[in-house]
Protein backbone atom coordinates (compact mmCIF):
# COMPACT_ATOMS: atom_id res chain seq x y z
CA MET A 1 -64.43 149.50 167.18
CA GLU A 2 -65.66 153.02 167.44
CA TYR A 3 -64.43 153.68 164.14
CA ILE A 4 -66.63 150.16 161.92
CA ILE A 5 -69.76 151.13 164.59
CA ASP A 6 -69.71 154.85 162.75
CA GLN A 7 -68.95 153.10 159.07
CA SER A 8 -72.35 150.65 160.64
CA LEU A 9 -74.19 153.10 161.58
CA LYS A 10 -74.01 156.01 158.58
CA LYS A 11 -75.26 152.42 156.34
CA VAL A 12 -78.30 152.26 158.28
CA ALA A 13 -78.77 156.13 158.37
CA LYS A 14 -78.50 156.30 155.00
CA GLY A 15 -80.47 153.03 153.86
CA SER A 16 -83.15 154.11 156.71
CA GLY A 17 -83.52 157.42 155.44
CA ILE A 18 -84.45 156.29 151.56
CA VAL A 19 -86.53 153.44 152.81
CA PHE A 20 -88.16 155.53 155.74
CA ILE A 21 -89.23 158.18 153.04
CA GLY A 22 -90.61 155.25 151.16
CA LEU A 23 -92.36 153.67 153.80
CA ILE A 24 -93.83 156.76 155.43
CA ILE A 25 -95.08 158.12 151.59
CA GLY A 26 -96.40 154.08 151.04
CA THR A 27 -97.88 154.08 154.88
CA VAL A 28 -99.83 157.39 153.89
CA ILE A 29 -100.87 156.36 150.88
CA GLY A 30 -101.82 152.98 151.92
CA ALA A 31 -104.14 154.44 154.93
CA LEU A 32 -105.57 157.27 152.66
CA SER A 33 -106.66 154.43 150.02
CA ARG A 34 -108.46 152.20 153.24
CA ILE A 35 -110.10 155.72 154.64
CA LEU A 36 -111.31 156.41 150.90
CA ILE A 37 -112.74 152.91 151.19
CA ALA A 38 -113.97 152.84 154.59
CA ARG A 39 -115.74 156.07 154.45
CA TYR A 40 -117.32 156.11 150.62
CA TYR A 41 -118.38 152.14 151.14
CA THR A 42 -120.50 150.73 154.54
CA THR A 43 -118.43 149.41 157.19
CA THR A 44 -119.51 145.70 156.36
CA LYS A 45 -118.10 146.10 152.54
CA TYR A 46 -115.12 147.56 154.35
CA GLY A 47 -114.83 144.35 155.91
CA ILE A 48 -114.86 141.95 153.28
CA TYR A 49 -111.98 144.12 152.16
CA SER A 50 -109.98 143.93 154.68
CA LEU A 51 -110.94 140.01 154.82
CA ALA A 52 -109.80 139.59 151.34
CA LEU A 53 -106.45 140.68 151.24
CA VAL A 54 -105.50 139.01 154.27
CA LEU A 55 -106.18 135.86 152.39
CA PHE A 56 -104.14 137.04 149.58
CA SER A 57 -101.33 138.29 151.43
CA LEU A 58 -101.65 134.91 153.44
CA PHE A 59 -101.63 132.71 149.86
CA ALA A 60 -98.71 135.26 148.97
CA ILE A 61 -96.48 134.46 152.03
CA VAL A 62 -97.10 131.20 152.11
CA SER A 63 -95.38 131.08 148.37
CA THR A 64 -92.47 133.21 148.36
CA LEU A 65 -91.18 130.28 151.22
CA GLY A 66 -89.29 132.28 153.53
CA LEU A 67 -86.83 132.96 150.81
CA ASP A 68 -87.40 136.66 150.70
CA GLU A 69 -86.17 136.69 153.93
CA GLY A 70 -83.47 133.97 154.05
CA MET A 71 -82.49 135.36 150.36
CA THR A 72 -80.93 138.54 152.18
CA ARG A 73 -79.05 137.23 154.41
CA GLN A 74 -77.70 134.69 151.99
CA ILE A 75 -76.56 136.70 149.34
CA SER A 76 -75.18 139.33 152.34
CA TYR A 77 -73.11 136.75 154.05
CA PHE A 78 -71.76 135.16 150.56
CA ARG A 79 -71.55 138.50 148.82
CA GLY A 80 -67.38 138.85 148.22
CA GLN A 81 -66.84 135.24 149.14
CA ASN A 82 -68.82 133.36 147.17
CA GLU A 83 -70.29 134.78 143.84
CA LEU A 84 -71.48 130.66 142.02
CA LYS A 85 -73.12 130.60 145.54
CA VAL A 86 -75.15 134.09 144.76
CA ARG A 87 -75.80 133.93 141.70
CA GLY A 88 -77.31 130.19 142.57
CA VAL A 89 -78.93 131.40 145.40
CA ILE A 90 -80.87 134.31 143.49
CA SER A 91 -81.29 131.55 140.23
CA PHE A 92 -83.18 129.04 142.27
CA SER A 93 -84.91 131.70 144.69
CA LEU A 94 -86.85 132.69 141.10
CA GLN A 95 -87.91 129.48 139.90
CA ILE A 96 -89.46 127.62 142.80
CA THR A 97 -91.07 131.07 144.16
CA ILE A 98 -93.01 131.39 140.10
CA PHE A 99 -93.82 127.44 140.18
CA VAL A 100 -94.84 127.69 144.08
CA SER A 101 -97.07 131.27 143.41
CA LEU A 102 -98.80 129.64 140.62
CA ILE A 103 -100.12 126.38 142.42
CA LEU A 104 -101.88 128.74 145.54
CA SER A 105 -102.67 131.41 142.83
CA ALA A 106 -104.82 128.53 141.33
CA ILE A 107 -106.02 127.00 144.51
CA LEU A 108 -107.73 130.46 145.65
CA PHE A 109 -109.16 131.02 143.07
CA LEU A 110 -110.77 127.55 142.77
CA SER A 111 -111.57 127.36 146.86
CA SER A 112 -113.04 130.68 146.44
CA ASN A 113 -116.80 129.85 146.88
CA VAL A 114 -115.19 126.76 149.67
CA ILE A 115 -113.68 129.16 151.80
CA SER A 116 -116.47 132.16 151.50
CA THR A 117 -119.56 130.37 152.88
CA ARG A 118 -118.64 127.39 154.37
CA ILE A 119 -115.61 129.02 156.77
CA PHE A 120 -116.78 132.36 156.70
CA HIS A 121 -120.56 132.53 155.99
CA ILE A 122 -119.84 135.28 153.19
CA ALA A 123 -121.01 134.53 150.07
CA GLU A 124 -119.97 137.94 149.27
CA LEU A 125 -116.35 137.09 149.82
CA SER A 126 -116.15 134.54 146.56
CA LYS A 127 -115.46 136.78 143.34
CA PRO A 128 -112.95 139.56 145.20
CA LEU A 129 -111.22 135.84 146.02
CA LYS A 130 -110.80 134.82 142.68
CA ILE A 131 -110.32 138.94 141.09
CA VAL A 132 -107.42 138.95 143.80
CA SER A 133 -105.92 135.49 143.36
CA ILE A 134 -104.27 136.76 139.96
CA ALA A 135 -101.89 139.29 141.65
CA ILE A 136 -99.97 136.39 143.39
CA PRO A 137 -97.25 135.84 141.46
CA PHE A 138 -96.98 139.58 140.54
CA ASN A 139 -96.75 140.21 144.10
CA VAL A 140 -94.45 137.23 144.76
CA LEU A 141 -91.82 138.67 142.34
CA ILE A 142 -92.05 141.68 143.19
CA LEU A 143 -91.01 140.06 147.24
CA ILE A 144 -88.27 138.26 145.80
CA SER A 145 -86.86 141.07 143.15
CA MET A 146 -86.68 143.50 146.43
CA SER A 147 -84.73 140.81 148.23
CA ILE A 148 -82.07 140.16 146.01
CA PHE A 149 -81.71 143.82 145.27
CA ARG A 150 -81.79 144.36 149.62
CA GLY A 151 -79.30 141.77 149.92
CA PHE A 152 -77.24 143.83 148.26
CA ASP A 153 -77.52 146.98 150.22
CA ARG A 154 -80.06 148.51 147.03
CA VAL A 155 -82.82 149.36 149.41
CA GLU A 156 -83.96 152.09 147.75
CA VAL A 157 -85.64 149.90 144.98
CA LYS A 158 -88.88 148.85 148.31
CA ALA A 159 -89.08 152.89 148.37
CA TYR A 160 -89.71 153.31 144.50
CA PHE A 161 -91.71 150.96 143.33
CA ASN A 162 -93.69 148.71 146.21
CA ASP A 163 -93.85 151.90 148.54
CA ILE A 164 -94.96 154.61 146.36
CA LEU A 165 -95.73 153.34 142.83
CA ARG A 166 -97.43 150.38 143.76
CA THR A 167 -99.46 152.46 146.45
CA THR A 168 -100.07 155.48 144.46
CA LEU A 169 -101.46 153.19 141.03
CA PHE A 170 -103.72 151.77 143.41
CA LEU A 171 -104.80 155.69 145.60
CA PHE A 172 -105.22 157.20 141.51
CA SER A 173 -107.23 154.08 140.34
CA LEU A 174 -109.82 153.97 143.77
CA VAL A 175 -109.70 158.54 143.05
CA VAL A 176 -111.00 157.49 139.79
CA ILE A 177 -113.69 154.39 141.15
CA VAL A 178 -114.58 157.42 143.87
CA VAL A 179 -115.37 160.15 141.29
CA LEU A 180 -117.10 157.72 138.46
CA ASN A 181 -119.50 156.13 141.61
CA LEU A 182 -118.08 152.90 140.06
CA SER A 183 -119.33 149.22 141.60
CA PHE A 184 -117.29 147.77 144.83
CA ILE A 185 -116.57 145.07 143.13
CA VAL A 186 -114.24 147.25 140.58
CA VAL A 187 -111.73 147.74 143.92
CA PHE A 188 -110.47 144.64 143.62
CA TYR A 189 -109.67 144.72 139.91
CA ALA A 190 -107.83 148.27 140.32
CA LEU A 191 -105.99 146.33 143.39
CA VAL A 192 -104.46 144.03 140.79
CA VAL A 193 -103.56 146.46 138.31
CA SER A 194 -101.65 147.97 140.47
CA PHE A 195 -99.57 145.13 141.10
CA ILE A 196 -99.03 143.53 138.04
CA ALA A 197 -98.41 147.57 136.18
CA THR A 198 -95.40 147.67 139.10
CA PHE A 199 -94.20 144.33 138.18
CA VAL A 200 -93.56 145.48 134.99
CA ALA A 201 -92.31 148.72 135.31
CA PHE A 202 -89.64 146.71 138.17
CA ALA A 203 -88.95 143.82 135.68
CA VAL A 204 -87.95 146.73 133.08
CA TYR A 205 -85.54 148.32 136.30
CA ALA A 206 -84.22 145.33 137.62
CA MET A 207 -82.94 143.68 133.50
CA ARG A 208 -81.05 147.15 133.50
CA SER A 209 -78.56 146.78 136.77
CA THR A 210 -75.98 144.88 137.05
CA LEU A 211 -77.05 142.74 139.90
CA PRO A 212 -77.11 138.88 138.68
CA ILE A 213 -80.99 138.67 138.77
CA LYS A 214 -81.58 135.84 136.01
CA MET A 215 -82.51 131.96 136.45
CA GLU A 216 -79.52 130.08 135.14
CA LYS A 217 -79.89 126.50 134.00
CA ASN A 218 -76.11 125.54 134.10
CA LEU A 219 -75.43 126.27 137.79
CA ALA A 220 -74.97 123.64 140.27
CA LEU A 221 -77.95 124.35 142.56
CA SER A 222 -77.91 120.88 144.80
CA PRO A 223 -75.89 122.51 147.39
CA VAL A 224 -77.10 125.62 147.29
CA ARG A 225 -81.22 124.10 147.29
CA LYS A 226 -80.42 122.10 150.10
CA GLU A 227 -78.86 125.20 152.38
CA LEU A 228 -80.86 127.61 151.32
CA LEU A 229 -84.27 125.71 151.95
CA LEU A 230 -82.51 124.59 155.59
CA PHE A 231 -82.04 128.01 156.61
CA SER A 232 -85.48 129.81 154.84
CA LEU A 233 -88.07 126.80 155.70
CA PRO A 234 -88.01 128.15 159.45
CA LEU A 235 -88.33 131.83 158.52
CA LEU A 236 -91.60 130.78 156.42
CA ILE A 237 -93.02 128.95 159.32
CA VAL A 238 -91.69 132.46 161.53
CA VAL A 239 -93.43 134.48 159.17
CA LEU A 240 -96.74 132.32 158.36
CA LEU A 241 -96.78 132.58 162.78
CA ASN A 242 -96.27 136.76 162.45
CA MET A 243 -99.12 137.11 160.10
CA VAL A 244 -101.27 135.31 162.98
CA PHE A 245 -100.44 138.58 165.28
CA HIS A 246 -101.73 140.32 162.59
CA TRP A 247 -104.31 138.45 160.94
CA GLY A 248 -105.15 135.89 163.16
CA ASP A 249 -107.94 138.72 164.55
CA THR A 250 -109.38 139.65 161.30
CA LEU A 251 -109.53 136.03 160.78
CA LEU A 252 -111.32 134.69 163.71
CA LEU A 253 -112.95 138.46 163.99
CA ALA A 254 -114.90 137.37 160.25
CA TYR A 255 -115.54 133.75 161.98
CA PHE A 256 -116.70 134.53 165.27
CA LYS A 257 -118.98 137.78 164.41
CA THR A 258 -119.05 140.05 160.94
CA PRO A 259 -117.92 141.40 158.54
CA ASN A 260 -118.72 144.78 160.44
CA ALA A 261 -116.89 143.97 163.38
CA VAL A 262 -114.04 143.44 161.11
CA GLY A 263 -114.47 146.77 159.21
CA LEU A 264 -114.27 148.21 162.78
CA TYR A 265 -111.01 146.61 164.00
CA ASN A 266 -109.17 147.03 160.47
CA ALA A 267 -109.61 150.49 161.32
CA ALA A 268 -107.79 150.69 164.60
CA TYR A 269 -105.15 148.13 163.32
CA PRO A 270 -103.03 149.54 160.05
CA LEU A 271 -103.27 153.25 162.61
CA ALA A 272 -100.77 151.73 165.37
CA VAL A 273 -98.77 149.50 163.14
CA PHE A 274 -97.88 153.43 162.60
CA VAL A 275 -95.81 152.97 165.18
CA HIS A 276 -93.92 150.74 164.14
CA ILE A 277 -93.28 152.42 160.49
CA ILE A 278 -89.82 153.34 161.77
CA PRO A 279 -88.17 150.10 162.89
CA SER A 280 -89.87 149.04 160.09
CA ALA A 281 -87.74 151.13 157.56
CA VAL A 282 -84.38 150.49 159.58
CA ALA A 283 -85.18 146.65 160.18
CA PHE A 284 -85.19 146.86 156.06
CA ILE A 285 -81.05 147.82 155.99
CA TYR A 286 -80.26 146.63 158.83
CA VAL A 287 -80.42 142.75 158.59
CA PRO A 288 -77.95 143.16 156.07
CA VAL A 289 -75.06 145.27 157.53
CA ALA A 290 -75.25 143.36 161.07
CA SER A 291 -75.02 140.29 158.80
CA GLN A 292 -72.22 141.79 157.72
CA LEU A 293 -70.47 142.58 161.19
CA TYR A 294 -71.38 139.16 162.14
CA SER A 295 -69.94 137.04 158.81
CA LYS A 296 -66.56 138.56 159.87
CA ASN A 297 -67.22 137.66 163.79
CA LEU A 298 -67.16 141.18 164.88
CA ILE A 299 -70.78 140.24 167.18
CA LYS A 300 -69.70 143.56 170.16
CA GLU A 301 -69.47 145.46 167.14
CA VAL A 302 -73.46 143.72 166.12
CA GLY A 303 -74.15 144.73 169.66
CA ARG A 304 -73.00 148.28 170.05
CA THR A 305 -75.24 148.78 166.79
CA TYR A 306 -78.23 147.35 167.82
CA GLN A 307 -78.07 149.43 171.49
CA VAL A 308 -77.60 152.03 169.20
CA ILE A 309 -80.59 152.37 166.84
CA THR A 310 -82.53 150.74 169.35
CA LYS A 311 -82.22 154.40 171.54
CA TRP A 312 -83.32 156.23 168.30
CA VAL A 313 -85.74 154.47 166.94
CA PHE A 314 -87.49 154.30 170.64
CA SER A 315 -87.43 158.02 170.75
CA ALA A 316 -88.44 158.51 167.04
CA SER A 317 -91.51 156.44 167.44
CA LEU A 318 -92.67 157.91 170.32
CA PRO A 319 -94.63 160.94 168.88
CA ILE A 320 -97.11 158.88 166.79
CA PHE A 321 -97.39 156.39 170.24
CA LEU A 322 -98.14 159.91 172.30
CA ILE A 323 -101.24 160.62 170.07
CA LEU A 324 -102.40 156.65 168.98
CA PHE A 325 -102.92 156.10 172.47
CA LEU A 326 -104.00 159.04 174.17
CA PHE A 327 -106.19 160.81 171.85
CA PRO A 328 -107.48 157.54 169.56
CA GLY A 329 -110.95 158.68 169.86
CA LEU A 330 -110.43 162.02 168.01
CA VAL A 331 -108.00 160.47 165.53
CA LEU A 332 -110.43 157.64 164.49
CA ASP A 333 -113.21 160.71 163.92
CA PHE A 334 -111.06 162.46 162.30
CA LEU A 335 -109.57 160.05 159.62
CA PHE A 336 -112.38 157.59 159.26
CA GLY A 337 -115.47 159.06 160.65
CA PRO A 338 -117.66 159.07 163.62
CA LYS A 339 -118.74 155.14 163.16
CA TYR A 340 -115.11 153.77 163.93
CA VAL A 341 -115.04 155.75 167.19
CA SER A 342 -116.11 152.50 168.49
CA ALA A 343 -112.49 150.80 167.90
CA SER A 344 -111.22 153.46 170.32
CA LEU A 345 -110.13 151.17 173.24
CA ALA A 346 -108.98 148.77 170.59
CA LEU A 347 -106.38 150.97 169.43
CA ARG A 348 -105.43 152.72 172.26
CA ILE A 349 -104.73 148.57 173.28
CA LEU A 350 -102.98 147.54 170.35
CA THR A 351 -100.93 151.26 169.96
CA LEU A 352 -99.62 149.48 173.71
CA GLY A 353 -98.05 146.09 172.11
CA PHE A 354 -96.44 147.85 169.51
CA MET A 355 -94.97 149.97 171.39
CA PHE A 356 -92.71 147.17 173.75
CA ASN A 357 -91.98 145.77 170.34
CA VAL A 358 -90.23 148.78 169.97
CA PHE A 359 -88.87 149.62 173.09
CA LEU A 360 -86.81 145.67 172.73
CA GLY A 361 -85.77 146.66 169.21
CA LEU A 362 -84.86 144.65 166.41
CA ASN A 363 -84.45 141.52 168.98
CA GLY A 364 -85.81 138.61 166.46
CA LEU A 365 -83.76 140.46 163.37
CA SER A 366 -80.55 139.99 165.42
CA LEU A 367 -81.42 136.65 165.77
CA LEU A 368 -81.55 136.23 161.89
CA VAL A 369 -78.31 137.91 161.41
CA LEU A 370 -76.73 135.59 164.10
CA GLY A 371 -78.73 132.52 162.00
CA LYS A 372 -80.90 131.01 165.29
CA THR A 373 -84.16 130.38 162.74
CA ARG A 374 -85.55 127.79 164.65
CA LEU A 375 -84.81 129.72 167.89
CA ILE A 376 -87.24 132.55 165.87
CA MET A 377 -89.11 130.00 165.22
CA PHE A 378 -89.61 128.19 168.25
CA THR A 379 -90.62 131.38 170.04
CA SER A 380 -92.83 133.36 167.24
CA LEU A 381 -95.00 129.68 167.45
CA ALA A 382 -95.56 129.94 171.72
CA GLY A 383 -96.36 133.74 170.52
CA ALA A 384 -98.71 132.51 167.48
CA LEU A 385 -99.92 129.91 170.20
CA THR A 386 -101.07 132.28 172.89
CA ASN A 387 -102.54 134.60 170.36
CA ILE A 388 -104.79 131.78 169.15
CA VAL A 389 -106.00 130.49 172.26
CA LEU A 390 -106.88 134.91 174.12
CA ASP A 391 -108.78 135.38 170.68
CA ILE A 392 -110.73 131.82 171.28
CA ILE A 393 -111.33 132.77 174.96
CA LEU A 394 -111.36 136.63 173.89
CA ILE A 395 -113.04 137.73 170.78
CA PRO A 396 -117.03 136.08 171.99
CA PRO A 397 -117.53 137.74 174.85
CA TYR A 398 -115.48 140.84 174.29
CA GLY A 399 -115.43 141.54 170.16
CA ILE A 400 -112.25 143.67 168.89
CA GLU A 401 -111.52 144.63 171.90
CA GLY A 402 -110.56 141.16 172.92
CA ALA A 403 -109.31 140.58 169.93
CA ALA A 404 -106.70 143.20 170.29
CA VAL A 405 -105.65 142.33 174.18
CA ALA A 406 -104.65 138.81 172.83
CA SER A 407 -102.44 140.79 169.86
CA ALA A 408 -101.15 143.20 171.81
CA PHE A 409 -100.37 140.32 174.74
CA SER A 410 -98.92 137.79 172.25
CA TYR A 411 -96.18 140.60 171.59
CA PHE A 412 -95.53 141.04 174.83
CA ILE A 413 -94.62 137.12 174.96
CA VAL A 414 -92.39 137.56 171.30
CA ASN A 415 -90.92 140.23 171.76
CA LEU A 416 -89.43 138.86 175.66
CA LEU A 417 -88.16 135.48 174.33
CA ASN A 418 -86.50 136.98 171.43
CA SER A 419 -84.80 139.57 173.99
CA ILE A 420 -84.24 136.59 176.15
CA LYS A 421 -82.48 134.33 174.26
CA LEU A 422 -80.87 136.70 171.97
CA TYR A 423 -78.47 138.28 175.34
CA GLN A 424 -78.02 134.20 176.08
CA ILE A 425 -76.78 134.02 173.35
CA SER A 426 -74.50 137.09 172.60
CA LYS A 427 -74.61 139.07 175.44
CA ILE A 428 -76.79 141.83 173.20
CA HIS A 429 -79.32 143.97 174.63
CA PRO A 430 -80.56 147.14 174.11
CA PHE A 431 -79.86 149.38 177.57
CA SER A 432 -78.31 151.52 178.70
CA LYS A 433 -77.95 154.30 181.11
CA ASN A 434 -78.61 156.33 177.66
CA TYR A 435 -81.35 154.11 176.61
CA LEU A 436 -83.17 153.99 179.55
CA LYS A 437 -82.93 158.07 180.25
CA PRO A 438 -85.07 159.13 177.66
CA VAL A 439 -87.58 156.13 177.97
CA GLY A 440 -88.18 157.81 181.87
CA ILE A 441 -88.51 160.87 180.50
CA ALA A 442 -91.48 159.40 177.82
CA ILE A 443 -92.98 157.98 180.47
CA ILE A 444 -93.03 161.23 182.87
CA LEU A 445 -94.26 163.86 179.79
CA LEU A 446 -96.45 161.31 178.60
CA VAL A 447 -98.69 161.08 182.33
CA LEU A 448 -98.57 165.14 182.00
CA ILE A 449 -100.03 164.89 179.00
CA TYR A 450 -102.55 162.75 179.79
CA PHE A 451 -103.73 164.26 183.25
CA SER A 452 -103.34 168.08 181.44
CA SER A 453 -106.61 166.19 178.94
CA TYR A 454 -108.40 165.81 181.94
CA PHE A 455 -108.42 170.23 182.50
CA PHE A 456 -108.70 171.19 178.76
CA LYS A 457 -111.20 169.96 176.48
CA ILE A 458 -108.73 168.67 173.58
CA LYS A 459 -109.62 168.98 169.66
CA PHE A 460 -108.03 168.03 166.84
CA TRP A 461 -106.35 170.33 165.27
CA ILE A 462 -104.51 171.22 168.80
CA LEU A 463 -102.95 168.03 168.41
CA PRO A 464 -100.27 168.96 165.97
CA ILE A 465 -99.36 171.79 168.69
CA LEU A 466 -99.48 169.39 171.99
CA LEU A 467 -96.99 167.56 169.49
CA ILE A 468 -94.22 169.88 169.01
CA VAL A 469 -94.82 170.86 172.47
CA TYR A 470 -93.93 167.01 173.60
CA LEU A 471 -91.37 167.04 171.31
CA LEU A 472 -89.59 170.80 172.49
CA GLY A 473 -89.77 169.14 175.78
CA TYR A 474 -88.41 165.93 175.53
CA PHE A 475 -85.56 167.06 173.56
CA THR A 476 -84.48 169.52 176.21
CA LEU A 477 -84.94 167.58 179.07
CA LEU A 478 -82.54 164.79 177.16
CA LEU A 479 -79.84 167.76 176.82
CA LEU A 480 -80.34 168.23 180.35
CA THR A 481 -79.33 164.99 181.29
CA ARG A 482 -76.66 164.68 178.85
CA SER A 483 -78.43 161.30 177.50
CA PHE A 484 -76.43 161.41 173.76
CA ASP A 485 -73.66 159.46 173.09
CA ILE A 486 -70.68 159.64 170.96
CA GLU A 487 -72.19 157.31 168.39
CA ASP A 488 -75.73 158.98 168.66
CA ILE A 489 -74.01 161.93 167.85
CA ASN A 490 -72.31 160.99 164.45
CA LEU A 491 -75.71 158.98 163.54
CA PHE A 492 -76.98 162.24 164.31
CA LEU A 493 -74.85 163.80 161.42
CA ALA A 494 -74.91 161.47 159.07
CA LEU A 495 -79.41 161.68 158.95
CA GLU A 496 -78.60 164.93 158.06
CA LYS A 497 -76.04 164.40 155.31
CA ASN A 498 -78.23 162.35 153.87
CA LEU A 499 -81.57 163.30 154.54
CA GLY A 500 -80.17 167.12 153.25
CA VAL A 501 -81.76 168.32 156.05
CA ASN A 502 -79.83 171.53 157.97
CA PHE A 503 -79.50 170.42 161.52
CA THR A 504 -77.02 173.29 162.16
CA PRO A 505 -78.74 174.77 165.70
CA ILE A 506 -79.28 171.00 166.87
CA LYS A 507 -75.27 170.87 166.42
CA LYS A 508 -74.30 173.87 167.92
CA MET A 509 -76.34 172.88 171.10
CA LEU A 510 -74.44 168.84 170.32
CA LYS A 511 -71.53 170.13 170.50
CA LYS A 512 -71.28 172.08 173.55
CA LEU A 513 -73.12 168.66 175.22
CA GLY A 514 -70.58 166.86 173.78
CA LEU A 515 -67.95 169.17 175.53
CA ALA A 516 -69.53 168.63 178.27
CA VAL A 517 -69.99 164.69 178.49
CA GLY A 518 -68.04 163.95 181.65
CA LYS A 519 -66.78 160.53 180.57
CA THR A 520 -63.54 159.38 178.96
CA ILE A 521 -63.87 160.32 175.12
CA THR A 522 -60.38 159.47 172.77
CA GLU A 523 -58.99 162.05 170.49
CA LYS A 524 -60.95 161.38 166.93
CA GLN A 525 -64.48 161.67 169.57
CA PHE A 526 -63.30 164.58 170.48
CA ILE A 527 -62.50 166.03 167.23
CA SER A 528 -65.53 164.54 165.98
CA ILE A 529 -67.85 166.34 168.14
CA ALA A 530 -66.11 169.82 168.05
CA SER A 531 -66.28 170.14 163.96
CA GLY A 532 -69.85 168.79 163.36
CA GLU A 533 -68.86 166.11 160.88
CA ILE A 534 -68.36 162.69 160.56
CA MET A 535 -64.57 161.92 159.43
CA GLU A 536 -62.81 159.21 158.17
CA VAL A 537 -59.50 157.60 160.11
CA ALA A 538 -56.80 159.37 158.19
CA GLU A 539 -58.96 162.34 157.73
CA MET A 540 -58.47 162.55 162.33
CA GLN A 541 -55.14 161.10 161.68
CA GLU A 542 -54.16 164.16 159.58
CA MET A 543 -55.75 166.49 161.39
CA PHE A 544 -53.66 165.17 164.44
CA ALA A 545 -50.64 165.11 162.33
CA LYS A 546 -51.00 168.93 162.57
CA LEU A 547 -52.03 169.39 165.70
CA ALA A 548 -49.49 167.70 167.27
CA LYS A 549 -45.87 169.00 168.32
CA PRO A 550 -43.12 168.56 165.62
CA GLU A 551 -41.26 165.75 167.75
CA MET A 552 -44.22 163.70 167.31
CA PRO A 553 -44.34 162.08 164.61
CA GLU A 554 -47.77 160.22 164.44
CA ALA A 555 -50.70 161.26 166.76
CA PRO A 556 -51.59 160.56 170.74
CA LYS A 557 -53.62 157.24 170.81
CA GLU A 558 -54.32 157.53 174.71
CA PRO A 559 -57.33 158.35 175.46
CA ILE A 560 -57.50 162.31 177.34
CA ILE A 561 -60.18 163.32 179.66
CA VAL A 562 -62.02 166.25 178.57
CA GLU A 563 -62.42 167.73 181.87
CA ASP A 564 -58.72 167.17 181.90
CA VAL A 565 -57.83 169.18 179.06
CA ASP A 566 -57.59 173.47 178.32
CA ILE A 567 -60.55 173.47 176.01
CA GLY A 568 -60.57 177.30 175.18
CA SER A 569 -56.81 176.47 174.36
CA PHE A 570 -57.79 173.07 172.27
CA TRP A 571 -61.12 173.66 170.53
CA ARG A 572 -59.06 177.46 168.93
CA LYS A 573 -56.93 175.47 167.09
CA ILE A 574 -59.55 172.66 165.62
CA ARG A 575 -61.64 175.95 164.98
CA GLU A 576 -58.11 177.36 162.99
CA LEU A 577 -57.90 174.46 161.24
CA PHE A 578 -61.08 174.84 159.56
CA LYS A 579 -60.68 178.85 158.81
CA PRO A 580 -61.90 178.62 154.52
């Protein structure tokens, strides 16, 4: 079981490293684009841009019919078992999404005047909607193609094309627009061009790949079509309901308030999303890895993988949460300017809501892996209804703060329901003794930093120093409280290998920690820690053969207690094996 978990975690580490780097670059570039628009144009124009982007995304996501999520799971599940079904899933998904996206693109173009004047009462919104509607089919094909690659564990394409290429093209276009002092409407043409150029580059790349990305006429698609749609349509509903969390506030703020309020809220919301950036990177590879484990009925391995990943994701997200939750005004002032500082309380509320989502882990995606799409739909429906009702009640009197409370509470409801149902169905949960200890440490440190800020005037340039102090204190306390498991150490070493970063000083501390862990571990785990390497089972067995006495043909299989071993003698033998 340990070997299977280690291999799964290595896949997650490798894929997440690639996706994480791309996601970081894409999110930062996307934030820079928003900041540039917000600083160069008025708050009202930035609000119009945000609203047009929400409506464009809404139509694009509906055009996918949920297939961008459903086909990833189906491809991963049938890969190696039924290649004909895999080809059928790909062919049908491409055919149906191209057709639907063209129809919805035309609908948005033709209805832009009605949406702008009769629903939101913002006449200036009409032309931007007409322009961005052109990009819908290209965006949908990018999403579907990424899902196909994702189903084959090829997650790097998302980083290359969607996260880096597209966002960089748009940012470069914005810089040109600002330098040449072009009108606000040119921003939307630049957005469309970035999607078209990305699609062309992606299409060339896909055609040169060995994956079966094409529409085939002679395949028997009827069984595949029914199965895929039954699986994916509930996911579409889930995605639409999730859009209520992400963009329902923007739409209802535009309806009840003004574009200025939309602009302020959309300075706070994208920053709060940074708290969820690491779970998003891990989630992209977690689904295919966990789906393959589940297809082999390895439920316990799925559960343990879930626990280890949740602990790492929570710890990695804490620094971002610290900065945004404790010092929202400083961040908004530095990035967006003083006119957006009034969104500080909304940013703090949203950040807390996103962090609760991180705390409980990838519960919704785990239900997806188990095939419980209808259950996900119902929990998302509960959250969406909660969000809509609270928005209607809270936005008129409280504005953007009311919208933030509605979103944060809705996230709380959905994640709590998903976690409860996941445990009831599979007994999978994120909590372990070594997960609760880091949570307690984080809370204590956050409280100390919060109260210390009352005695010192914090400037923005002090935040990096404060962050370093926090990380040192947090990591030291993790070591002192022995909050690491065997899988944590192996995952850490896998990240070192795949990211190409030298963690030698930390590895030495972890080795000492591994020898000090007061619990039963197997010999292969002991050697894995002591050597500082992740080793295959065959390599471990070969090493034990060298260590074993001549009369022992095989390595002992019984676990050993670290406290009862002559550590000095055993450690010397291990070091001798690794001498050049």
